[in-house]
């Protein structure tokens, strides 16, 4: 028995994991970059809508049969909707990459072993709120974003 105790005492102890979690939805909603990306997408959508309006007006002036006008406008509308959807997906991917990059930096800086993401789908069933780093992540992420967006002098 003494041999087992000595063997256990001589084994290197592994560090206790440091685990934090974030409310992923809250981070994405409160991240300043999200609003900026949404504004860009909305501006693109408005430009595309004006383009659609111009096409509709031009087709009307050409006095094409109504069925042909409807078909052409419909095809163009579908194309624009697809572009808006793709732009939104690309913006979402970029946002996720920005947040993930910051989380890696934050985790390393604060010596976290894991930072988990709590989502509405319930991938974290329970976590002590003392391990919730959402607010700290949002503050740091926004400070970094705002600093990068600040015009250099």
C-alpha atoms as a PDB file:
ATOM      1  CA  UNK A   1       0.000   0.000   0.000  1.00  0.00           C
ATOM      2  CA  UNK A   2       2.853   2.378   0.837  1.00  0.00           C
ATOM      3  CA  UNK A   3       4.360   1.678  -2.598  1.00  0.00           C
ATOM      4  CA  UNK A   4       1.130   2.719  -4.308  1.00  0.00           C
ATOM      5  CA  UNK A   5       0.991   5.937  -2.259  1.00  0.00           C
ATOM      6  CA  UNK A   6       4.586   6.776  -3.169  1.00  0.00           C
ATOM      7  CA  UNK A   7       3.980   5.971  -6.812  1.00  0.00           C
ATOM      8  CA  UNK A   8       0.950   8.252  -6.856  1.00  0.00           C
ATOM      9  CA  UNK A   9       2.821  11.023  -5.039  1.00  0.00           C
ATOM     10  CA  UNK A  10       5.707  10.887  -7.512  1.00  0.00           C
ATOM     11  CA  UNK A  11       3.498  11.124 -10.596  1.00  0.00           C
ATOM     12  CA  UNK A  12       3.400  14.589 -12.124  1.00  0.00           C
ATOM     13  CA  UNK A  13       0.121  16.265 -11.423  1.00  0.00           C
ATOM     14  CA  UNK A  14      -1.765  17.512 -14.409  1.00  0.00           C
ATOM     15  CA  UNK A  15      -3.023  21.063 -14.183  1.00  0.00           C
ATOM     16  CA  UNK A  16      -6.660  21.506 -13.362  1.00  0.00           C
ATOM     17  CA  UNK A  17      -8.546  22.418 -16.512  1.00  0.00           C
ATOM     18  CA  UNK A  18      -9.852  25.962 -16.601  1.00  0.00           C
ATOM     19  CA  UNK A  19     -13.208  25.990 -18.342  1.00  0.00           C
ATOM     20  CA  UNK A  20     -15.312  28.953 -19.325  1.00  0.00           C
ATOM     21  CA  UNK A  21     -18.349  29.330 -21.491  1.00  0.00           C
ATOM     22  CA  UNK A  22     -20.038  32.001 -23.534  1.00  0.00           C
ATOM     23  CA  UNK A  23     -23.598  32.622 -24.603  1.00  0.00           C
ATOM     24  CA  UNK A  24     -22.875  32.478 -28.335  1.00  0.00           C
ATOM     25  CA  UNK A  25     -26.076  34.251 -29.365  1.00  0.00           C
ATOM     26  CA  UNK A  26     -25.446  37.116 -26.960  1.00  0.00           C
ATOM     27  CA  UNK A  27     -21.859  37.501 -28.190  1.00  0.00           C
ATOM     28  CA  UNK A  28     -22.979  37.692 -31.813  1.00  0.00           C
ATOM     29  CA  UNK A  29     -25.812  40.120 -31.011  1.00  0.00           C
ATOM     30  CA  UNK A  30     -23.641  42.488 -28.989  1.00  0.00           C
ATOM     31  CA  UNK A  31     -20.505  42.309 -31.132  1.00  0.00           C
ATOM     32  CA  UNK A  32     -20.062  45.677 -32.864  1.00  0.00           C
ATOM     33  CA  UNK A  33     -18.884  43.912 -36.013  1.00  0.00           C
ATOM     34  CA  UNK A  34     -22.301  42.304 -36.409  1.00  0.00           C
ATOM     35  CA  UNK A  35     -24.026  45.668 -36.818  1.00  0.00           C
ATOM     36  CA  UNK A  36     -21.406  46.808 -39.312  1.00  0.00           C
ATOM     37  CA  UNK A  37     -21.760  43.650 -41.392  1.00  0.00           C
ATOM     38  CA  UNK A  38     -25.560  43.934 -41.329  1.00  0.00           C
ATOM     39  CA  UNK A  39     -25.375  47.551 -42.526  1.00  0.00           C
ATOM     40  CA  UNK A  40     -23.179  46.523 -45.459  1.00  0.00           C
ATOM     41  CA  UNK A  41     -25.614  43.755 -46.421  1.00  0.00           C
ATOM     42  CA  UNK A  42     -28.588  46.124 -46.135  1.00  0.00           C
ATOM     43  CA  UNK A  43     -26.834  48.702 -48.336  1.00  0.00           C
ATOM     44  CA  UNK A  44     -26.118  46.034 -50.954  1.00  0.00           C
ATOM     45  CA  UNK A  45     -29.733  44.871 -50.806  1.00  0.00           C
ATOM     46  CA  UNK A  46     -30.941  48.452 -51.325  1.00  0.00           C
ATOM     47  CA  UNK A  47     -28.640  48.889 -54.333  1.00  0.00           C
ATOM     48  CA  UNK A  48     -29.906  45.629 -55.786  1.00  0.00           C
ATOM     49  CA  UNK A  49     -33.515  46.666 -55.137  1.00  0.00           C
ATOM     50  CA  UNK A  50     -32.913  49.948 -56.983  1.00  0.00           C
ATOM     51  CA  UNK A  51     -31.421  47.929 -59.828  1.00  0.00           C
ATOM     52  CA  UNK A  52     -34.550  45.757 -59.877  1.00  0.00           C
ATOM     53  CA  UNK A  53     -36.742  48.865 -59.880  1.00  0.00           C
ATOM     54  CA  UNK A  54     -34.747  50.281 -62.818  1.00  0.00           C
ATOM     55  CA  UNK A  55     -35.144  47.036 -64.747  1.00  0.00           C
ATOM     56  CA  UNK A  56     -38.875  46.992 -64.070  1.00  0.00           C
ATOM     57  CA  UNK A  57     -39.180  50.576 -65.294  1.00  0.00           C
ATOM     58  CA  UNK A  58     -37.088  49.885 -68.411  1.00  0.00           C
ATOM     59  CA  UNK A  59     -39.147  46.824 -69.286  1.00  0.00           C
ATOM     60  CA  UNK A  60     -42.345  48.805 -68.826  1.00  0.00           C
ATOM     61  CA  UNK A  61     -41.046  51.525 -71.165  1.00  0.00           C
ATOM     62  CA  UNK A  62     -40.215  48.916 -73.807  1.00  0.00           C
ATOM     63  CA  UNK A  63     -43.883  47.989 -73.792  1.00  0.00           C
ATOM     64  CA  UNK A  64     -43.144  44.286 -73.654  1.00  0.00           C
ATOM     65  CA  UNK A  65     -46.060  41.957 -73.046  1.00  0.00           C
ATOM     66  CA  UNK A  66     -46.892  41.818 -69.319  1.00  0.00           C
ATOM     67  CA  UNK A  67     -46.137  38.080 -69.117  1.00  0.00           C
ATOM     68  CA  UNK A  68     -42.639  38.632 -70.533  1.00  0.00           C
ATOM     69  CA  UNK A  69     -42.022  41.537 -68.150  1.00  0.00           C
ATOM     70  CA  UNK A  70     -43.148  39.431 -65.205  1.00  0.00           C
ATOM     71  CA  UNK A  71     -40.894  36.546 -66.245  1.00  0.00           C
ATOM     72  CA  UNK A  72     -37.805  38.723 -66.686  1.00  0.00           C
ATOM     73  CA  UNK A  73     -38.388  40.622 -63.451  1.00  0.00           C
ATOM     74  CA  UNK A  74     -39.014  37.337 -61.626  1.00  0.00           C
ATOM     75  CA  UNK A  75     -35.747  35.826 -62.856  1.00  0.00           C
ATOM     76  CA  UNK A  76     -33.813  38.951 -61.906  1.00  0.00           C
ATOM     77  CA  UNK A  77     -35.522  39.094 -58.490  1.00  0.00           C
ATOM     78  CA  UNK A  78     -34.537  35.458 -57.823  1.00  0.00           C
ATOM     79  CA  UNK A  79     -30.951  36.241 -58.807  1.00  0.00           C
ATOM     80  CA  UNK A  80     -30.863  39.239 -56.471  1.00  0.00           C
ATOM     81  CA  UNK A  81     -32.401  37.268 -53.606  1.00  0.00           C
ATOM     82  CA  UNK A  82     -29.743  34.615 -54.103  1.00  0.00           C
ATOM     83  CA  UNK A  83     -27.026  37.284 -54.014  1.00  0.00           C
ATOM     84  CA  UNK A  84     -28.430  38.769 -50.802  1.00  0.00           C
ATOM     85  CA  UNK A  85     -28.571  35.308 -49.229  1.00  0.00           C
ATOM     86  CA  UNK A  86     -24.991  34.525 -50.297  1.00  0.00           C
ATOM     87  CA  UNK A  87     -23.735  37.889 -49.054  1.00  0.00           C
ATOM     88  CA  UNK A  88     -25.455  37.271 -45.714  1.00  0.00           C
ATOM     89  CA  UNK A  89     -23.923  33.805 -45.422  1.00  0.00           C
ATOM     90  CA  UNK A  90     -20.475  35.163 -46.284  1.00  0.00           C
ATOM     91  CA  UNK A  91     -20.874  37.925 -43.684  1.00  0.00           C
ATOM     92  CA  UNK A  92     -21.982  35.374 -41.081  1.00  0.00           C
ATOM     93  CA  UNK A  93     -18.932  33.212 -41.827  1.00  0.00           C
ATOM     94  CA  UNK A  94     -16.640  36.223 -41.503  1.00  0.00           C
ATOM     95  CA  UNK A  95     -18.246  37.179 -38.178  1.00  0.00           C
ATOM     96  CA  UNK A  96     -17.817  33.646 -36.853  1.00  0.00           C
ATOM     97  CA  UNK A  97     -14.166  33.638 -37.921  1.00  0.00           C
ATOM     98  CA  UNK A  98     -13.566  36.987 -36.200  1.00  0.00           C
ATOM     99  CA  UNK A  99     -15.212  35.834 -32.970  1.00  0.00           C
ATOM    100  CA  UNK A 100     -13.417  32.473 -33.004  1.00  0.00           C
ATOM    101  CA  UNK A 101     -10.057  34.160 -33.568  1.00  0.00           C
ATOM    102  CA  UNK A 102     -10.713  36.444 -30.615  1.00  0.00           C
ATOM    103  CA  UNK A 103     -11.841  33.520 -28.439  1.00  0.00           C
ATOM    104  CA  UNK A 104      -8.564  31.706 -29.155  1.00  0.00           C
ATOM    105  CA  UNK A 105      -6.624  34.825 -28.180  1.00  0.00           C
ATOM    106  CA  UNK A 106      -8.775  35.377 -25.082  1.00  0.00           C
ATOM    107  CA  UNK A 107      -8.469  31.743 -24.024  1.00  0.00           C
ATOM    108  CA  UNK A 108      -4.691  31.732 -24.348  1.00  0.00           C
ATOM    109  CA  UNK A 109      -4.308  35.104 -22.616  1.00  0.00           C
ATOM    110  CA  UNK A 110      -6.440  34.022 -19.641  1.00  0.00           C
ATOM    111  CA  UNK A 111      -5.147  30.429 -19.524  1.00  0.00           C
ATOM    112  CA  UNK A 112      -8.419  28.678 -20.344  1.00  0.00           C
ATOM    113  CA  UNK A 113      -8.251  25.017 -21.255  1.00  0.00           C
ATOM    114  CA  UNK A 114     -11.705  25.192 -22.833  1.00  0.00           C
ATOM    115  CA  UNK A 115     -14.198  27.889 -23.733  1.00  0.00           C
ATOM    116  CA  UNK A 116     -17.518  26.328 -24.591  1.00  0.00           C
ATOM    117  CA  UNK A 117     -20.329  27.945 -26.519  1.00  0.00           C
ATOM    118  CA  UNK A 118     -23.809  27.743 -25.036  1.00  0.00           C
ATOM    119  CA  UNK A 119     -26.478  27.854 -27.723  1.00  0.00           C
ATOM    120  CA  UNK A 120     -30.235  27.655 -27.827  1.00  0.00           C
ATOM    121  CA  UNK A 121     -29.988  24.038 -28.956  1.00  0.00           C
ATOM    122  CA  UNK A 122     -28.803  23.168 -25.456  1.00  0.00           C
ATOM    123  CA  UNK A 123     -25.314  21.822 -26.021  1.00  0.00           C
ATOM    124  CA  UNK A 124     -24.452  22.925 -22.475  1.00  0.00           C
ATOM    125  CA  UNK A 125     -27.117  21.652 -20.147  1.00  0.00           C
ATOM    126  CA  UNK A 126     -25.733  23.204 -16.969  1.00  0.00           C
ATOM    127  CA  UNK A 127     -22.842  25.465 -16.129  1.00  0.00           C
ATOM    128  CA  UNK A 128     -22.088  27.487 -13.029  1.00  0.00           C
ATOM    129  CA  UNK A 129     -22.530  31.159 -13.884  1.00  0.00           C
ATOM    130  CA  UNK A 130     -19.129  31.826 -12.300  1.00  0.00           C
ATOM    131  CA  UNK A 131     -17.660  30.231 -15.444  1.00  0.00           C
ATOM    132  CA  UNK A 132     -19.630  32.510 -17.781  1.00  0.00           C
ATOM    133  CA  UNK A 133     -17.126  34.727 -19.583  1.00  0.00           C
ATOM    134  CA  UNK A 134     -19.657  36.160 -22.056  1.00  0.00           C
ATOM    135  CA  UNK A 135     -19.502  39.741 -20.768  1.00  0.00           C
ATOM    136  CA  UNK A 136     -15.694  39.768 -20.641  1.00  0.00           C
ATOM    137  CA  UNK A 137     -15.500  38.363 -24.169  1.00  0.00           C
ATOM    138  CA  UNK A 138     -17.970  40.927 -25.519  1.00  0.00           C
ATOM    139  CA  UNK A 139     -16.076  43.821 -23.924  1.00  0.00           C
ATOM    140  CA  UNK A 140     -12.701  42.626 -25.195  1.00  0.00           C
ATOM    141  CA  UNK A 141     -13.993  41.705 -28.632  1.00  0.00           C
ATOM    142  CA  UNK A 142     -15.632  45.108 -29.076  1.00  0.00           C
ATOM    143  CA  UNK A 143     -12.557  46.943 -27.799  1.00  0.00           C
ATOM    144  CA  UNK A 144     -10.419  45.083 -30.314  1.00  0.00           C
ATOM    145  CA  UNK A 145     -12.923  45.711 -33.129  1.00  0.00           C
ATOM    146  CA  UNK A 146     -13.319  49.403 -32.303  1.00  0.00           C
ATOM    147  CA  UNK A 147      -9.544  49.841 -32.046  1.00  0.00           C
ATOM    148  CA  UNK A 148      -9.044  48.232 -35.472  1.00  0.00           C
ATOM    149  CA  UNK A 149     -11.742  50.442 -37.025  1.00  0.00           C
ATOM    150  CA  UNK A 150     -10.368  53.642 -35.502  1.00  0.00           C
ATOM    151  CA  UNK A 151      -8.750  55.763 -38.221  1.00  0.00           C
ATOM    152  CA  UNK A 152      -4.991  55.969 -37.871  1.00  0.00           C
ATOM    153  CA  UNK A 153      -3.539  59.413 -37.397  1.00  0.00           C
END
